[in-house]
Amino acid sequence: MSRYTYNTKQKTLIMSLLEKEKEAPLSCDSIVAMLVSEGTPVGKTTVYRFLENLAAKGEVRKFVDSHSKTATFQLVDKSLNCAEHMHLRCVDCGRIVHLGCEFMSEVGTHIFEHHGFTVDNSKTVILGKCENCKE
């Protein structure tokens, strides 16, 4: 079964690129540039609409930089149960780290028990600098 309802060549190209680059969040502009460099130009509006549709369905994660307001998108790896854990995001390079350690569950429990607040792990991203960028 297809990941999206109406399959076009452009959607197939975008999905292939997201799968190939699944470790890195990509902006709409970077996807357009990569496809152009491969000789398969796709319009920016087409890419953005498709990415927004995938984000609404939970098939990609959308991250918006608080300073530049630029959105980046990353394919959700269903095998990692991304909705169940928080993520770390490097503010310099954009790298995403899956934070599936048990300690973060304890943090969520603490927040609920002491502050009456339920954390939505599927949308929780902690910003900072990755090991490579802080050097």
Protein backbone atom coordinates (compact mmCIF):
# COMPACT_ATOMS: atom_id res chain seq x y z
CA MET A 1 0.00 0.00 0.00
CA SER A 2 1.22 3.46 -0.85
CA ARG A 3 2.30 5.93 1.86
CA TYR A 4 0.14 8.57 0.21
CA THR A 5 -3.12 8.35 -1.67
CA TYR A 6 -2.36 9.87 -5.06
CA ASN A 7 1.00 8.79 -6.42
CA THR A 8 2.79 11.13 -8.82
CA LYS A 9 6.34 11.11 -10.12
CA GLN A 10 7.11 14.20 -8.02
CA LYS A 11 5.82 12.58 -4.81
CA THR A 12 7.83 9.45 -5.54
CA LEU A 13 10.98 11.54 -6.05
CA ILE A 14 10.42 13.47 -2.82
CA MET A 15 9.76 10.29 -0.83
CA SER A 16 12.87 8.65 -2.28
CA LEU A 17 14.96 11.64 -1.25
CA LEU A 18 13.48 11.69 2.27
CA GLU A 19 14.21 7.98 2.65
CA LYS A 20 17.75 8.38 1.32
CA GLU A 21 18.44 11.33 3.66
CA LYS A 22 16.43 10.02 6.63
CA GLU A 23 19.09 10.97 9.17
CA ALA A 24 18.98 14.67 8.28
CA PRO A 25 16.07 17.09 8.48
CA LEU A 26 15.66 18.79 5.09
CA SER A 27 14.15 22.14 4.20
CA CYS A 28 11.83 22.57 1.25
CA ASP A 29 14.53 24.61 -0.51
CA SER A 30 17.17 21.92 0.06
CA ILE A 31 14.86 19.24 -1.35
CA VAL A 32 14.16 21.35 -4.43
CA ALA A 33 17.91 22.00 -4.88
CA MET A 34 18.80 18.32 -4.51
CA LEU A 35 16.17 17.29 -7.05
CA VAL A 36 17.32 19.98 -9.48
CA SER A 37 20.92 18.77 -9.10
CA GLU A 38 19.74 15.25 -9.95
CA GLY A 39 18.09 16.56 -13.11
CA THR A 40 14.54 16.17 -11.82
CA PRO A 41 13.23 19.63 -11.00
CA VAL A 42 10.08 19.85 -8.87
CA GLY A 43 8.30 23.07 -7.98
CA LYS A 44 8.77 24.47 -4.48
CA THR A 45 5.01 24.72 -3.94
CA THR A 46 4.57 21.04 -4.85
CA VAL A 47 7.32 20.01 -2.43
CA TYR A 48 6.00 22.19 0.40
CA ARG A 49 2.39 21.02 0.04
CA PHE A 50 3.45 17.38 -0.05
CA LEU A 51 5.68 17.80 3.03
CA GLU A 52 2.88 19.55 4.93
CA ASN A 53 0.51 16.72 3.97
CA LEU A 54 3.00 14.11 5.19
CA ALA A 55 3.50 16.06 8.44
CA ALA A 56 -0.26 16.20 9.02
CA LYS A 57 -0.40 12.41 8.61
CA GLY A 58 2.54 11.91 10.97
CA GLU A 59 4.80 10.48 8.28
CA VAL A 60 7.38 13.24 8.60
CA ARG A 61 8.34 15.38 11.58
CA LYS A 62 8.30 19.11 11.02
CA PHE A 63 10.76 21.28 12.92
CA VAL A 64 10.56 25.08 12.77
CA ASP A 65 13.65 27.09 13.67
CA SER A 66 12.56 29.69 16.20
CA HIS A 67 14.95 32.32 14.81
CA SER A 68 14.75 31.96 11.04
CA LYS A 69 11.23 30.46 11.01
CA THR A 70 12.55 27.97 8.43
CA ALA A 71 10.85 24.58 8.53
CA THR A 72 12.74 21.34 8.07
CA PHE A 73 11.23 17.91 7.63
CA GLN A 74 12.47 14.44 8.49
CA LEU A 75 10.95 11.09 7.64
CA VAL A 76 9.54 9.33 10.70
CA ASP A 77 11.21 6.00 11.28
CA LYS A 78 8.26 3.86 12.42
CA SER A 79 10.63 1.23 13.81
CA LEU A 80 11.97 3.77 16.34
CA ASN A 81 8.50 4.65 17.72
CA CYS A 82 9.24 8.37 17.40
CA ALA A 83 5.87 9.32 18.90
CA GLU A 84 6.87 7.66 22.16
CA HIS A 85 10.10 9.52 22.88
CA MET A 86 11.55 13.01 22.85
CA HIS A 87 14.22 14.24 20.46
CA LEU A 88 17.30 16.42 20.69
CA ARG A 89 17.99 18.86 17.87
CA CYS A 90 21.28 20.63 17.24
CA VAL A 91 20.73 24.34 16.69
CA ASP A 92 23.82 24.55 14.48
CA CYS A 93 23.69 21.59 12.10
CA GLY A 94 20.07 20.46 12.57
CA ARG A 95 21.02 16.91 13.55
CA ILE A 96 18.24 14.99 15.32
CA VAL A 97 18.96 12.51 18.10
CA HIS A 98 16.30 10.05 19.29
CA LEU A 99 16.03 10.29 23.06
CA GLY A 100 14.56 6.90 23.91
CA CYS A 101 16.29 6.44 27.26
CA GLU A 102 14.26 5.46 30.32
CA PHE A 103 15.32 8.56 32.23
CA MET A 104 13.20 10.78 29.98
CA SER A 105 10.12 8.72 30.94
CA GLU A 106 10.96 9.52 34.55
CA VAL A 107 11.15 13.22 33.63
CA GLY A 108 7.69 12.99 32.05
CA THR A 109 6.33 11.28 35.16
CA HIS A 110 7.88 13.96 37.38
CA ILE A 111 6.38 16.75 35.28
CA PHE A 112 2.94 15.16 35.51
CA GLU A 113 3.10 14.33 39.24
CA HIS A 114 4.61 17.64 40.38
CA HIS A 115 3.28 20.08 37.82
CA GLY A 116 0.06 18.47 36.55
CA PHE A 117 1.28 18.68 32.97
CA THR A 118 1.34 15.86 30.45
CA VAL A 119 4.25 16.02 28.02
CA ASP A 120 3.48 15.18 24.38
CA ASN A 121 6.63 13.24 23.46
CA SER A 122 5.69 13.18 19.78
CA LYS A 123 6.17 16.95 19.64
CA THR A 124 8.87 17.47 22.25
CA VAL A 125 12.25 18.58 20.94
CA ILE A 126 15.05 19.75 23.21
CA LEU A 127 17.36 22.23 21.53
CA GLY A 128 21.10 22.39 22.09
CA LYS A 129 24.43 21.68 20.39
CA CYS A 130 25.52 18.23 19.28
CA GLU A 131 28.89 16.78 20.16
CA ASN A 132 30.40 17.76 16.79
CA CYS A 133 29.19 21.37 16.80
CA LYS A 134 30.18 22.21 20.37
CA GLU A 135 33.86 21.48 19.65
